[in-house]
């Protein structure tokens, strides 16, 4: 339930931030490219308290990623999505490094892996979940 609420909040605020912004076209590696070669497009908006909000979309219009950027580093909540719209990854960055609890999900919304990062390094116990056949 928390995941769904988080995704809905992120989506709502993304729509508010998108109006009037210029699209930037990205290739599969996240580099700027032309519209014809693009796999994603992105919008940037500034939040006085959190830095620059970056929202990437698949060409289909579905959200691919959302994160904050401050002083040229990812900083704050991070979310990635499958092309179907399902949550793929939820986590956070601190000064450009993965930090805190990270969770990955399969395309059906089932958790695949979870664990903590500290300064970009995996720490503690990581749990991997396997599908029962």
N, C-alpha and C. Protein backbone atom coordinates (compact mmCIF):
# COMPACT_ATOMS: atom_id res chain seq x y z
N UNK A 1 0.82 -1.19 0.00
CA UNK A 1 0.00 0.00 0.00
C UNK A 1 0.87 1.26 0.00
N UNK A 2 1.97 1.23 0.80
CA UNK A 2 2.86 2.38 0.85
C UNK A 2 3.46 2.66 -0.53
N UNK A 3 3.80 1.59 -1.24
CA UNK A 3 4.40 1.75 -2.56
C UNK A 3 3.41 2.42 -3.51
N UNK A 4 2.18 1.96 -3.49
CA UNK A 4 1.17 2.53 -4.38
C UNK A 4 0.95 4.00 -4.06
N UNK A 5 0.87 4.33 -2.78
CA UNK A 5 0.68 5.73 -2.38
C UNK A 5 1.88 6.58 -2.80
N UNK A 6 3.08 6.06 -2.61
CA UNK A 6 4.29 6.78 -3.03
C UNK A 6 4.28 7.03 -4.52
N UNK A 7 3.96 6.01 -5.30
CA UNK A 7 3.93 6.15 -6.76
C UNK A 7 2.87 7.16 -7.18
N UNK A 8 1.70 7.11 -6.57
CA UNK A 8 0.64 8.06 -6.92
C UNK A 8 1.05 9.49 -6.60
N UNK A 9 1.69 9.69 -5.45
CA UNK A 9 2.15 11.04 -5.08
C UNK A 9 3.21 11.53 -6.06
N UNK A 10 4.16 10.68 -6.39
CA UNK A 10 5.21 11.06 -7.34
C UNK A 10 4.59 11.40 -8.69
N UNK A 11 3.64 10.59 -9.14
CA UNK A 11 2.99 10.85 -10.42
C UNK A 11 2.24 12.17 -10.42
N UNK A 12 1.51 12.45 -9.35
CA UNK A 12 0.75 13.69 -9.26
C UNK A 12 1.67 14.90 -9.33
N UNK A 13 2.74 14.88 -8.56
CA UNK A 13 3.65 16.02 -8.56
C UNK A 13 4.41 16.14 -9.87
N UNK A 14 4.64 15.03 -10.54
CA UNK A 14 5.30 15.07 -11.84
C UNK A 14 4.44 15.80 -12.86
N UNK A 15 3.16 15.54 -12.85
CA UNK A 15 2.25 16.20 -13.79
C UNK A 15 2.24 17.70 -13.53
N UNK A 16 2.25 18.09 -12.27
CA UNK A 16 2.27 19.52 -11.94
C UNK A 16 3.55 20.19 -12.43
N UNK A 17 4.67 19.49 -12.34
CA UNK A 17 5.96 20.06 -12.72
C UNK A 17 6.19 20.08 -14.23
N UNK A 18 5.50 19.24 -15.00
CA UNK A 18 5.78 19.10 -16.42
C UNK A 18 5.31 20.27 -17.27
N UNK A 19 4.26 20.93 -16.88
CA UNK A 19 3.67 21.94 -17.75
C UNK A 19 4.67 23.03 -18.10
N UNK A 20 4.78 23.31 -19.40
CA UNK A 20 5.64 24.39 -19.87
C UNK A 20 7.12 24.09 -19.91
N UNK A 21 7.53 22.85 -19.75
CA UNK A 21 8.95 22.52 -19.74
C UNK A 21 9.37 21.92 -21.07
N UNK A 22 10.63 22.11 -21.38
CA UNK A 22 11.20 21.59 -22.62
C UNK A 22 11.61 20.13 -22.45
N UNK A 23 11.32 19.32 -23.47
CA UNK A 23 11.73 17.92 -23.44
C UNK A 23 13.20 17.82 -23.84
N UNK A 24 13.91 16.93 -23.17
CA UNK A 24 15.27 16.56 -23.54
C UNK A 24 15.20 15.09 -23.94
N UNK A 25 15.78 14.74 -25.08
CA UNK A 25 15.72 13.38 -25.61
C UNK A 25 16.96 12.61 -25.18
N UNK A 26 16.77 11.35 -24.73
CA UNK A 26 17.87 10.53 -24.22
C UNK A 26 17.94 9.19 -24.93
N UNK A 27 19.17 8.66 -25.09
CA UNK A 27 19.35 7.32 -25.64
C UNK A 27 19.26 6.30 -24.50
N UNK A 28 19.50 5.03 -24.80
CA UNK A 28 19.38 3.96 -23.80
C UNK A 28 20.35 4.13 -22.64
N UNK A 29 21.46 4.86 -22.85
CA UNK A 29 22.45 5.08 -21.80
C UNK A 29 22.23 6.38 -21.03
N UNK A 30 21.17 7.10 -21.36
CA UNK A 30 20.88 8.35 -20.67
C UNK A 30 21.59 9.57 -21.23
N UNK A 31 22.21 9.42 -22.41
CA UNK A 31 22.90 10.54 -23.04
C UNK A 31 21.95 11.31 -23.94
N UNK A 32 22.16 12.62 -24.06
CA UNK A 32 21.33 13.44 -24.94
C UNK A 32 21.46 12.96 -26.38
N UNK A 33 20.34 12.94 -27.10
CA UNK A 33 20.33 12.50 -28.49
C UNK A 33 19.19 13.22 -29.22
N UNK A 34 18.94 12.81 -30.44
CA UNK A 34 17.84 13.39 -31.22
C UNK A 34 16.54 12.64 -30.91
N UNK A 35 15.44 13.25 -31.25
CA UNK A 35 14.14 12.65 -31.02
C UNK A 35 14.03 11.30 -31.73
N UNK A 36 14.58 11.22 -32.94
CA UNK A 36 14.50 10.00 -33.75
C UNK A 36 15.25 8.82 -33.13
N UNK A 37 16.31 9.09 -32.39
CA UNK A 37 17.13 8.03 -31.79
C UNK A 37 16.81 7.79 -30.32
N UNK A 38 15.90 8.56 -29.78
CA UNK A 38 15.62 8.53 -28.34
C UNK A 38 14.89 7.27 -27.90
N UNK A 39 15.21 6.83 -26.69
CA UNK A 39 14.51 5.75 -26.01
C UNK A 39 13.67 6.36 -24.89
N UNK A 40 14.14 7.48 -24.35
CA UNK A 40 13.47 8.19 -23.27
C UNK A 40 13.41 9.68 -23.59
N UNK A 41 12.56 10.38 -22.88
CA UNK A 41 12.64 11.84 -22.85
C UNK A 41 12.52 12.26 -21.39
N UNK A 42 12.97 13.45 -21.09
CA UNK A 42 13.01 13.89 -19.70
C UNK A 42 12.59 15.33 -19.55
N UNK A 43 12.12 15.64 -18.35
CA UNK A 43 11.80 17.00 -17.95
C UNK A 43 12.59 17.32 -16.68
N UNK A 44 12.99 18.56 -16.54
CA UNK A 44 13.68 19.02 -15.34
C UNK A 44 12.86 20.13 -14.72
N UNK A 45 12.74 20.13 -13.42
CA UNK A 45 12.10 21.24 -12.72
C UNK A 45 12.84 21.46 -11.41
N UNK A 46 12.75 22.66 -10.88
CA UNK A 46 13.50 23.00 -9.68
C UNK A 46 12.57 23.14 -8.48
N UNK A 47 12.98 22.49 -7.40
CA UNK A 47 12.29 22.61 -6.12
C UNK A 47 13.27 23.31 -5.18
N UNK A 48 12.90 24.45 -4.64
CA UNK A 48 13.81 25.24 -3.80
C UNK A 48 14.42 24.44 -2.66
N UNK A 49 13.65 23.51 -2.10
CA UNK A 49 14.11 22.76 -0.93
C UNK A 49 14.82 21.45 -1.26
N UNK A 50 14.56 20.89 -2.44
CA UNK A 50 15.08 19.55 -2.74
C UNK A 50 16.03 19.51 -3.93
N UNK A 51 16.20 20.60 -4.65
CA UNK A 51 17.06 20.60 -5.82
C UNK A 51 16.25 20.44 -7.10
N UNK A 52 16.88 19.85 -8.09
CA UNK A 52 16.25 19.71 -9.40
C UNK A 52 15.58 18.33 -9.51
N UNK A 53 14.29 18.34 -9.81
CA UNK A 53 13.56 17.09 -10.01
C UNK A 53 13.73 16.66 -11.46
N UNK A 54 14.20 15.43 -11.65
CA UNK A 54 14.39 14.87 -12.98
C UNK A 54 13.37 13.75 -13.15
N UNK A 55 12.56 13.85 -14.20
CA UNK A 55 11.58 12.80 -14.50
C UNK A 55 11.83 12.32 -15.92
N UNK A 56 12.14 11.03 -16.05
CA UNK A 56 12.37 10.43 -17.37
C UNK A 56 11.16 9.59 -17.75
N UNK A 57 10.83 9.63 -19.04
CA UNK A 57 9.69 8.88 -19.56
C UNK A 57 10.14 8.01 -20.72
N UNK A 58 9.48 6.84 -20.85
CA UNK A 58 9.65 6.05 -22.06
C UNK A 58 8.98 6.83 -23.19
N UNK A 59 9.35 6.55 -24.41
CA UNK A 59 8.75 7.21 -25.57
C UNK A 59 7.23 7.04 -25.57
N UNK A 60 6.76 5.94 -25.00
CA UNK A 60 5.31 5.68 -24.92
C UNK A 60 4.58 6.67 -24.02
N UNK A 61 5.34 7.41 -23.19
CA UNK A 61 4.73 8.35 -22.25
C UNK A 61 4.66 7.83 -20.83
N UNK A 62 4.97 6.55 -20.63
CA UNK A 62 4.99 5.99 -19.27
C UNK A 62 6.27 6.44 -18.56
N UNK A 63 6.14 6.69 -17.27
CA UNK A 63 7.28 7.14 -16.48
C UNK A 63 8.33 6.04 -16.36
N UNK A 64 9.61 6.39 -16.55
CA UNK A 64 10.71 5.44 -16.44
C UNK A 64 11.47 5.62 -15.13
N UNK A 65 11.78 6.88 -14.76
CA UNK A 65 12.55 7.16 -13.54
C UNK A 65 12.15 8.52 -13.00
N UNK A 66 12.38 8.68 -11.70
CA UNK A 66 12.20 9.99 -11.09
C UNK A 66 13.17 10.10 -9.92
N UNK A 67 13.90 11.21 -9.89
CA UNK A 67 14.87 11.43 -8.82
C UNK A 67 15.22 12.91 -8.73
N UNK A 68 15.85 13.27 -7.63
CA UNK A 68 16.32 14.65 -7.44
C UNK A 68 17.80 14.73 -7.71
N UNK A 69 18.20 15.88 -8.20
CA UNK A 69 19.58 16.15 -8.56
C UNK A 69 19.98 17.44 -7.86
N UNK A 70 21.05 17.40 -7.08
CA UNK A 70 21.52 18.60 -6.40
C UNK A 70 23.04 18.65 -6.49
N UNK A 71 23.57 19.78 -6.92
CA UNK A 71 25.01 19.97 -7.10
C UNK A 71 25.61 18.85 -7.97
N UNK A 72 24.93 18.56 -9.09
CA UNK A 72 25.36 17.55 -10.06
C UNK A 72 25.43 16.13 -9.51
N UNK A 73 24.66 15.85 -8.46
CA UNK A 73 24.62 14.50 -7.88
C UNK A 73 23.17 14.15 -7.58
N UNK A 74 22.84 12.86 -7.74
CA UNK A 74 21.52 12.40 -7.32
C UNK A 74 21.46 12.54 -5.80
N UNK A 75 20.33 13.05 -5.30
CA UNK A 75 20.20 13.25 -3.87
C UNK A 75 18.72 13.23 -3.50
N UNK A 76 18.31 12.25 -2.73
CA UNK A 76 16.91 12.13 -2.33
C UNK A 76 16.27 10.88 -2.88
N UNK A 77 14.95 10.84 -2.83
CA UNK A 77 14.20 9.66 -3.26
C UNK A 77 14.45 9.34 -4.73
N UNK A 78 14.45 8.03 -5.02
CA UNK A 78 14.67 7.53 -6.38
C UNK A 78 13.62 6.47 -6.66
N UNK A 79 13.04 6.52 -7.83
CA UNK A 79 12.09 5.48 -8.25
C UNK A 79 12.30 5.19 -9.73
N UNK A 80 12.26 3.90 -10.08
CA UNK A 80 12.35 3.47 -11.48
C UNK A 80 11.16 2.56 -11.75
N UNK A 81 10.71 2.58 -13.02
CA UNK A 81 9.50 1.86 -13.39
C UNK A 81 9.73 1.04 -14.66
N UNK A 82 9.01 -0.07 -14.77
CA UNK A 82 9.01 -0.84 -16.01
C UNK A 82 8.20 -0.07 -17.05
N UNK A 83 8.36 -0.42 -18.31
CA UNK A 83 7.61 0.23 -19.39
C UNK A 83 6.10 0.05 -19.24
N UNK A 84 5.70 -0.95 -18.47
CA UNK A 84 4.27 -1.20 -18.21
C UNK A 84 3.71 -0.28 -17.14
N UNK A 85 4.61 0.43 -16.43
CA UNK A 85 4.19 1.33 -15.36
C UNK A 85 4.38 0.76 -13.97
N UNK A 86 4.69 -0.53 -13.87
CA UNK A 86 4.91 -1.14 -12.56
C UNK A 86 6.21 -0.64 -11.95
N UNK A 87 6.24 -0.56 -10.61
CA UNK A 87 7.45 -0.14 -9.90
C UNK A 87 8.55 -1.17 -10.10
N UNK A 88 9.75 -0.71 -10.43
CA UNK A 88 10.91 -1.57 -10.63
C UNK A 88 11.88 -1.45 -9.46
N UNK A 89 12.17 -0.22 -9.04
CA UNK A 89 13.13 0.04 -7.97
C UNK A 89 12.66 1.23 -7.14
N UNK A 90 12.79 1.11 -5.82
CA UNK A 90 12.55 2.23 -4.91
C UNK A 90 13.78 2.34 -4.01
N UNK A 91 14.31 3.54 -3.89
CA UNK A 91 15.47 3.74 -3.04
C UNK A 91 15.73 5.21 -2.82
N UNK A 92 16.96 5.53 -2.42
CA UNK A 92 17.33 6.93 -2.20
C UNK A 92 18.83 7.10 -2.45
N UNK A 93 19.19 8.33 -2.74
CA UNK A 93 20.59 8.71 -2.90
C UNK A 93 20.94 9.77 -1.87
N UNK A 94 22.19 9.77 -1.43
CA UNK A 94 22.75 10.84 -0.61
C UNK A 94 24.06 11.26 -1.25
N UNK A 95 24.10 12.50 -1.70
CA UNK A 95 25.30 13.07 -2.32
C UNK A 95 25.86 12.18 -3.44
N UNK A 96 24.97 11.61 -4.25
CA UNK A 96 25.37 10.83 -5.40
C UNK A 96 25.55 9.34 -5.15
N UNK A 97 25.43 8.91 -3.90
CA UNK A 97 25.60 7.50 -3.57
C UNK A 97 24.28 6.88 -3.13
N UNK A 98 24.08 5.61 -3.49
CA UNK A 98 22.91 4.90 -2.99
C UNK A 98 23.01 4.86 -1.47
N UNK A 99 21.86 5.07 -0.82
CA UNK A 99 21.85 5.12 0.64
C UNK A 99 20.52 4.60 1.17
N UNK A 100 20.57 3.99 2.34
CA UNK A 100 19.34 3.51 2.97
C UNK A 100 18.77 2.28 2.30
N UNK A 101 17.51 2.01 2.58
CA UNK A 101 16.83 0.81 2.07
C UNK A 101 16.52 0.93 0.58
N UNK A 102 16.86 -0.12 -0.15
CA UNK A 102 16.52 -0.22 -1.58
C UNK A 102 15.73 -1.50 -1.77
N UNK A 103 14.74 -1.43 -2.64
CA UNK A 103 13.92 -2.60 -2.97
C UNK A 103 13.76 -2.67 -4.48
N UNK A 104 13.86 -3.89 -5.01
CA UNK A 104 13.59 -4.11 -6.43
C UNK A 104 12.40 -5.06 -6.55
N UNK A 105 11.64 -4.87 -7.63
CA UNK A 105 10.42 -5.63 -7.84
C UNK A 105 10.41 -6.24 -9.23
N UNK A 106 9.68 -7.36 -9.38
CA UNK A 106 9.52 -7.92 -10.71
C UNK A 106 8.36 -7.21 -11.41
N UNK A 107 8.09 -7.58 -12.65
CA UNK A 107 7.07 -6.90 -13.45
C UNK A 107 5.65 -7.10 -12.92
N UNK A 108 5.48 -8.09 -12.02
CA UNK A 108 4.17 -8.34 -11.43
C UNK A 108 3.99 -7.64 -10.09
N UNK A 109 5.00 -6.88 -9.66
CA UNK A 109 4.91 -6.15 -8.40
C UNK A 109 5.39 -6.93 -7.19
N UNK A 110 5.95 -8.13 -7.42
CA UNK A 110 6.48 -8.92 -6.31
C UNK A 110 7.90 -8.47 -6.00
N UNK A 111 8.22 -8.40 -4.72
CA UNK A 111 9.56 -7.97 -4.33
C UNK A 111 10.59 -9.03 -4.75
N UNK A 112 11.69 -8.58 -5.34
CA UNK A 112 12.77 -9.47 -5.77
C UNK A 112 13.95 -9.43 -4.81
N UNK A 113 14.28 -8.21 -4.35
CA UNK A 113 15.46 -8.06 -3.51
C UNK A 113 15.30 -6.82 -2.65
N UNK A 114 15.84 -6.88 -1.43
CA UNK A 114 15.86 -5.68 -0.60
C UNK A 114 17.07 -5.72 0.32
N UNK A 115 17.56 -4.52 0.60
CA UNK A 115 18.70 -4.38 1.48
C UNK A 115 19.12 -2.93 1.57
N UNK A 116 20.14 -2.69 2.39
CA UNK A 116 20.58 -1.31 2.64
C UNK A 116 21.91 -1.01 1.98
N UNK A 117 22.04 0.27 1.63
CA UNK A 117 23.28 0.82 1.12
C UNK A 117 23.79 1.88 2.09
N UNK A 118 25.10 2.00 2.16
CA UNK A 118 25.75 3.08 2.88
C UNK A 118 26.86 3.61 1.99
N UNK A 119 26.75 4.85 1.58
CA UNK A 119 27.72 5.49 0.69
C UNK A 119 27.98 4.66 -0.58
N UNK A 120 26.92 4.08 -1.12
CA UNK A 120 27.01 3.33 -2.37
C UNK A 120 27.40 1.87 -2.23
N UNK A 121 27.69 1.44 -1.02
CA UNK A 121 28.09 0.05 -0.78
C UNK A 121 26.97 -0.72 -0.09
N UNK A 122 26.75 -1.97 -0.53
CA UNK A 122 25.77 -2.80 0.14
C UNK A 122 26.26 -3.11 1.55
N UNK A 123 25.36 -2.99 2.53
CA UNK A 123 25.71 -3.28 3.92
C UNK A 123 24.64 -4.18 4.54
N UNK A 124 25.04 -4.91 5.56
CA UNK A 124 24.09 -5.74 6.28
C UNK A 124 23.59 -6.90 5.45
N UNK A 125 22.46 -7.42 5.87
CA UNK A 125 21.85 -8.58 5.23
C UNK A 125 20.99 -8.13 4.06
N UNK A 126 21.22 -8.73 2.91
CA UNK A 126 20.39 -8.50 1.73
C UNK A 126 19.54 -9.73 1.52
N UNK A 127 18.28 -9.52 1.23
CA UNK A 127 17.36 -10.64 1.00
C UNK A 127 16.95 -10.67 -0.46
N UNK A 128 17.02 -11.87 -1.03
CA UNK A 128 16.58 -12.10 -2.41
C UNK A 128 15.39 -13.04 -2.34
N UNK A 129 14.34 -12.70 -3.05
CA UNK A 129 13.11 -13.49 -3.03
C UNK A 129 12.95 -14.19 -4.36
N UNK A 130 12.63 -15.49 -4.29
CA UNK A 130 12.46 -16.28 -5.50
C UNK A 130 11.01 -16.68 -5.64
N UNK A 131 10.58 -16.76 -6.88
CA UNK A 131 9.21 -17.15 -7.19
C UNK A 131 9.07 -18.66 -7.01
N UNK A 132 8.03 -19.09 -6.30
CA UNK A 132 7.76 -20.52 -6.13
C UNK A 132 7.09 -21.04 -7.39
N UNK A 133 7.58 -22.17 -7.88
CA UNK A 133 6.97 -22.78 -9.08
C UNK A 133 6.12 -23.96 -8.70
